[in-house]
C-alpha atoms as a PDB file:
ATOM      1  CA  UNK A   1     -14.631  17.519   0.755  1.00  0.00           C
ATOM      2  CA  UNK A   2     -15.302  17.264  -2.729  1.00  0.00           C
ATOM      3  CA  UNK A   3     -17.690  14.966  -4.284  1.00  0.00           C
ATOM      4  CA  UNK A   4     -14.813  12.799  -6.144  1.00  0.00           C
ATOM      5  CA  UNK A   5     -13.430  12.394  -2.638  1.00  0.00           C
ATOM      6  CA  UNK A   6     -16.385  11.588  -0.905  1.00  0.00           C
ATOM      7  CA  UNK A   7     -17.473   8.939  -3.489  1.00  0.00           C
ATOM      8  CA  UNK A   8     -13.620   7.485  -3.481  1.00  0.00           C
ATOM      9  CA  UNK A   9     -13.720   7.158   0.475  1.00  0.00           C
ATOM     10  CA  UNK A  10     -17.188   5.338   0.036  1.00  0.00           C
ATOM     11  CA  UNK A  11     -16.018   3.187  -2.963  1.00  0.00           C
ATOM     12  CA  UNK A  12     -13.005   2.304  -0.306  1.00  0.00           C
ATOM     13  CA  UNK A  13     -15.300   1.539   2.415  1.00  0.00           C
ATOM     14  CA  UNK A  14     -18.163  -0.752   0.402  1.00  0.00           C
ATOM     15  CA  UNK A  15     -15.350  -2.552  -1.692  1.00  0.00           C
ATOM     16  CA  UNK A  16     -13.691  -3.601   1.539  1.00  0.00           C
ATOM     17  CA  UNK A  17     -16.869  -4.726   3.119  1.00  0.00           C
ATOM     18  CA  UNK A  18     -17.732  -6.564   0.021  1.00  0.00           C
ATOM     19  CA  UNK A  19     -14.247  -8.617   0.011  1.00  0.00           C
ATOM     20  CA  UNK A  20     -13.950  -9.202   3.809  1.00  0.00           C
ATOM     21  CA  UNK A  21     -17.392 -10.419   4.262  1.00  0.00           C
ATOM     22  CA  UNK A  22     -19.220 -11.559   0.967  1.00  0.00           C
ATOM     23  CA  UNK A  23     -16.496 -12.256  -1.674  1.00  0.00           C
ATOM     24  CA  UNK A  24     -15.997 -15.858  -0.835  1.00  0.00           C
ATOM     25  CA  UNK A  25     -13.027 -17.291  -2.763  1.00  0.00           C
ATOM     26  CA  UNK A  26      -9.995 -19.639  -1.482  1.00  0.00           C
ATOM     27  CA  UNK A  27      -7.551 -17.263  -3.834  1.00  0.00           C
ATOM     28  CA  UNK A  28      -8.189 -14.153  -1.513  1.00  0.00           C
ATOM     29  CA  UNK A  29      -5.530 -13.812   1.166  1.00  0.00           C
ATOM     30  CA  UNK A  30      -5.039 -11.138   3.990  1.00  0.00           C
ATOM     31  CA  UNK A  31      -5.935  -8.055   1.803  1.00  0.00           C
ATOM     32  CA  UNK A  32      -6.160  -4.251   2.507  1.00  0.00           C
ATOM     33  CA  UNK A  33      -7.921  -1.793   0.212  1.00  0.00           C
ATOM     34  CA  UNK A  34      -5.435   1.041   0.561  1.00  0.00           C
ATOM     35  CA  UNK A  35      -7.181   3.798  -1.598  1.00  0.00           C
ATOM     36  CA  UNK A  36      -9.382   4.414  -4.598  1.00  0.00           C
ATOM     37  CA  UNK A  37      -8.510   6.945  -7.163  1.00  0.00           C
ATOM     38  CA  UNK A  38     -11.455   7.992  -9.308  1.00  0.00           C
ATOM     39  CA  UNK A  39     -11.626  10.265 -12.343  1.00  0.00           C
ATOM     40  CA  UNK A  40     -13.453  13.866 -12.339  1.00  0.00           C
ATOM     41  CA  UNK A  41     -16.230  12.483 -14.267  1.00  0.00           C
ATOM     42  CA  UNK A  42     -16.743   9.246 -11.691  1.00  0.00           C
ATOM     43  CA  UNK A  43     -16.606   7.058 -14.446  1.00  0.00           C
ATOM     44  CA  UNK A  44     -13.389   4.836 -13.828  1.00  0.00           C
ATOM     45  CA  UNK A  45     -11.762   3.846 -10.533  1.00  0.00           C
ATOM     46  CA  UNK A  46      -8.691   2.319  -9.619  1.00  0.00           C
ATOM     47  CA  UNK A  47      -8.816   0.251  -6.400  1.00  0.00           C
ATOM     48  CA  UNK A  48      -5.512  -0.194  -4.910  1.00  0.00           C
ATOM     49  CA  UNK A  49      -4.866  -3.187  -2.420  1.00  0.00           C
ATOM     50  CA  UNK A  50      -2.116  -4.727  -0.347  1.00  0.00           C
ATOM     51  CA  UNK A  51      -1.788  -8.411   0.429  1.00  0.00           C
ATOM     52  CA  UNK A  52       0.068  -9.924   3.215  1.00  0.00           C
ATOM     53  CA  UNK A  53       2.367 -12.390   1.591  1.00  0.00           C
ATOM     54  CA  UNK A  54       4.585 -12.921  -1.224  1.00  0.00           C
ATOM     55  CA  UNK A  55       4.497 -12.675  -4.854  1.00  0.00           C
ATOM     56  CA  UNK A  56       2.142 -15.792  -5.480  1.00  0.00           C
ATOM     57  CA  UNK A  57      -0.215 -14.376  -2.942  1.00  0.00           C
ATOM     58  CA  UNK A  58      -0.394 -10.959  -5.124  1.00  0.00           C
ATOM     59  CA  UNK A  59      -1.000 -12.856  -8.051  1.00  0.00           C
ATOM     60  CA  UNK A  60      -3.547 -14.862  -6.651  1.00  0.00           C
ATOM     61  CA  UNK A  61      -5.395 -12.256  -5.016  1.00  0.00           C
ATOM     62  CA  UNK A  62      -5.598 -10.375  -7.969  1.00  0.00           C
ATOM     63  CA  UNK A  63      -7.102 -13.264 -10.151  1.00  0.00           C
ATOM     64  CA  UNK A  64      -9.938 -13.619  -7.490  1.00  0.00           C
ATOM     65  CA  UNK A  65     -10.266  -9.877  -7.436  1.00  0.00           C
ATOM     66  CA  UNK A  66     -10.737  -9.750 -11.209  1.00  0.00           C
ATOM     67  CA  UNK A  67     -12.912 -12.755 -11.390  1.00  0.00           C
ATOM     68  CA  UNK A  68     -15.426 -10.875  -9.032  1.00  0.00           C
ATOM     69  CA  UNK A  69     -15.248  -7.742 -10.356  1.00  0.00           C
ATOM     70  CA  UNK A  70     -18.861  -8.066 -11.782  1.00  0.00           C
ATOM     71  CA  UNK A  71     -20.078  -9.333  -8.620  1.00  0.00           C
ATOM     72  CA  UNK A  72     -18.465  -6.168  -6.765  1.00  0.00           C
ATOM     73  CA  UNK A  73     -19.800  -3.799  -9.102  1.00  0.00           C
ATOM     74  CA  UNK A  74     -23.428  -5.384  -8.933  1.00  0.00           C
ATOM     75  CA  UNK A  75     -23.368  -4.673  -4.998  1.00  0.00           C
ATOM     76  CA  UNK A  76     -21.682  -1.182  -5.218  1.00  0.00           C
ATOM     77  CA  UNK A  77     -24.946  -0.463  -7.596  1.00  0.00           C
ATOM     78  CA  UNK A  78     -27.281  -1.463  -4.731  1.00  0.00           C
ATOM     79  CA  UNK A  79     -25.380   0.294  -1.897  1.00  0.00           C
ATOM     80  CA  UNK A  80     -24.563   3.197  -3.372  1.00  0.00           C
ATOM     81  CA  UNK A  81     -26.351   5.541  -5.392  1.00  0.00           C
ATOM     82  CA  UNK A  82     -24.677   7.148  -8.121  1.00  0.00           C
ATOM     83  CA  UNK A  83     -25.592   7.863 -11.906  1.00  0.00           C
ATOM     84  CA  UNK A  84     -22.933   5.477 -13.112  1.00  0.00           C
ATOM     85  CA  UNK A  85     -21.248   2.891 -11.457  1.00  0.00           C
ATOM     86  CA  UNK A  86     -17.990   3.323 -12.269  1.00  0.00           C
ATOM     87  CA  UNK A  87     -15.538   0.676 -14.123  1.00  0.00           C
ATOM     88  CA  UNK A  88     -13.191  -0.519 -11.375  1.00  0.00           C
ATOM     89  CA  UNK A  89      -9.427  -1.890 -12.094  1.00  0.00           C
ATOM     90  CA  UNK A  90      -7.942  -3.288  -9.290  1.00  0.00           C
ATOM     91  CA  UNK A  91      -4.081  -2.319  -8.796  1.00  0.00           C
ATOM     92  CA  UNK A  92      -1.209  -3.913  -6.623  1.00  0.00           C
ATOM     93  CA  UNK A  93      -0.269  -1.499  -3.933  1.00  0.00           C
ATOM     94  CA  UNK A  94       3.387  -2.055  -3.022  1.00  0.00           C
ATOM     95  CA  UNK A  95       4.056   0.922  -0.994  1.00  0.00           C
ATOM     96  CA  UNK A  96       3.970  -1.061   2.435  1.00  0.00           C
ATOM     97  CA  UNK A  97       6.491  -3.339   1.777  1.00  0.00           C
ATOM     98  CA  UNK A  98       8.584  -0.386  -0.465  1.00  0.00           C
ATOM     99  CA  UNK A  99       8.322   1.501   3.372  1.00  0.00           C
ATOM    100  CA  UNK A 100       9.435  -1.521   5.291  1.00  0.00           C
ATOM    101  CA  UNK A 101      12.537  -1.743   2.741  1.00  0.00           C
ATOM    102  CA  UNK A 102      13.725   1.756   3.060  1.00  0.00           C
ATOM    103  CA  UNK A 103      13.052   1.816   7.134  1.00  0.00           C
ATOM    104  CA  UNK A 104      15.591  -1.569   7.109  1.00  0.00           C
ATOM    105  CA  UNK A 105      18.386   0.725   5.060  1.00  0.00           C
ATOM    106  CA  UNK A 106      17.567   3.293   7.268  1.00  0.00           C
ATOM    107  CA  UNK A 107      18.497   1.185  10.740  1.00  0.00           C
ATOM    108  CA  UNK A 108      21.536  -0.424   8.820  1.00  0.00           C
ATOM    109  CA  UNK A 109      23.109   2.989   8.283  1.00  0.00           C
ATOM    110  CA  UNK A 110      22.032   4.139  11.867  1.00  0.00           C
ATOM    111  CA  UNK A 111      23.667   0.931  13.173  1.00  0.00           C
ATOM    112  CA  UNK A 112      26.776   1.533  10.833  1.00  0.00           C
ATOM    113  CA  UNK A 113      27.396   5.259  12.138  1.00  0.00           C
ATOM    114  CA  UNK A 114      26.799   3.887  15.658  1.00  0.00           C
ATOM    115  CA  UNK A 115      29.614   1.412  15.301  1.00  0.00           C
ATOM    116  CA  UNK A 116      32.217   4.188  13.619  1.00  0.00           C
ATOM    117  CA  UNK A 117      31.381   6.570  16.436  1.00  0.00           C
ATOM    118  CA  UNK A 118      32.204   3.741  19.087  1.00  0.00           C
ATOM    119  CA  UNK A 119      35.262   2.833  16.821  1.00  0.00           C
ATOM    120  CA  UNK A 120      36.561   6.911  17.281  1.00  0.00           C
ATOM    121  CA  UNK A 121      35.703   7.130  20.743  1.00  0.00           C
ATOM    122  CA  UNK A 122      37.939   3.694  21.856  1.00  0.00           C
ATOM    123  CA  UNK A 123      40.761   4.734  19.445  1.00  0.00           C
ATOM    124  CA  UNK A 124      43.271   6.863  21.709  1.00  0.00           C
ATOM    125  CA  UNK A 125      43.423  10.522  20.395  1.00  0.00           C
ATOM    126  CA  UNK A 126      46.860  11.278  18.561  1.00  0.00           C
ATOM    127  CA  UNK A 127      48.045  14.511  19.631  1.00  0.00           C
ATOM    128  CA  UNK A 128      48.909  16.891  16.758  1.00  0.00           C
ATOM    129  CA  UNK A 129      52.476  18.235  16.332  1.00  0.00           C
ATOM    130  CA  UNK A 130      52.720  21.889  16.482  1.00  0.00           C
ATOM    131  CA  UNK A 131      54.751  22.448  12.770  1.00  0.00           C
ATOM    132  CA  UNK A 132      57.697  24.862  12.999  1.00  0.00           C
ATOM    133  CA  UNK A 133      58.297  27.450  10.626  1.00  0.00           C
END
């Protein structure tokens, strides 16, 4: 595992821990840190998060994370030994919602094909006439 991946995983774990146990903000909803992308020089990190809820919950959570950014960076500096603490930016991760939409669409298609198959089976078979030449 490369250093970049190790730092990324350590950041993910620490940020999750900080948000769940130490960041006391009523705007924070049910949040999950899905992944962290960090540059090769370990200076900048994009932290992707997912929230259980509506669009408004995403906005409130983003505001809470942005307001607590300094606090989060300070705790990361204390807990993870790095030369430079990366600049952190929080990004919404809507991949879970997208995958749910895709699954619903696939289920609908599956149901429609099963319905068509049942109709074909219930219709009496038509005999083809032999053509005379």
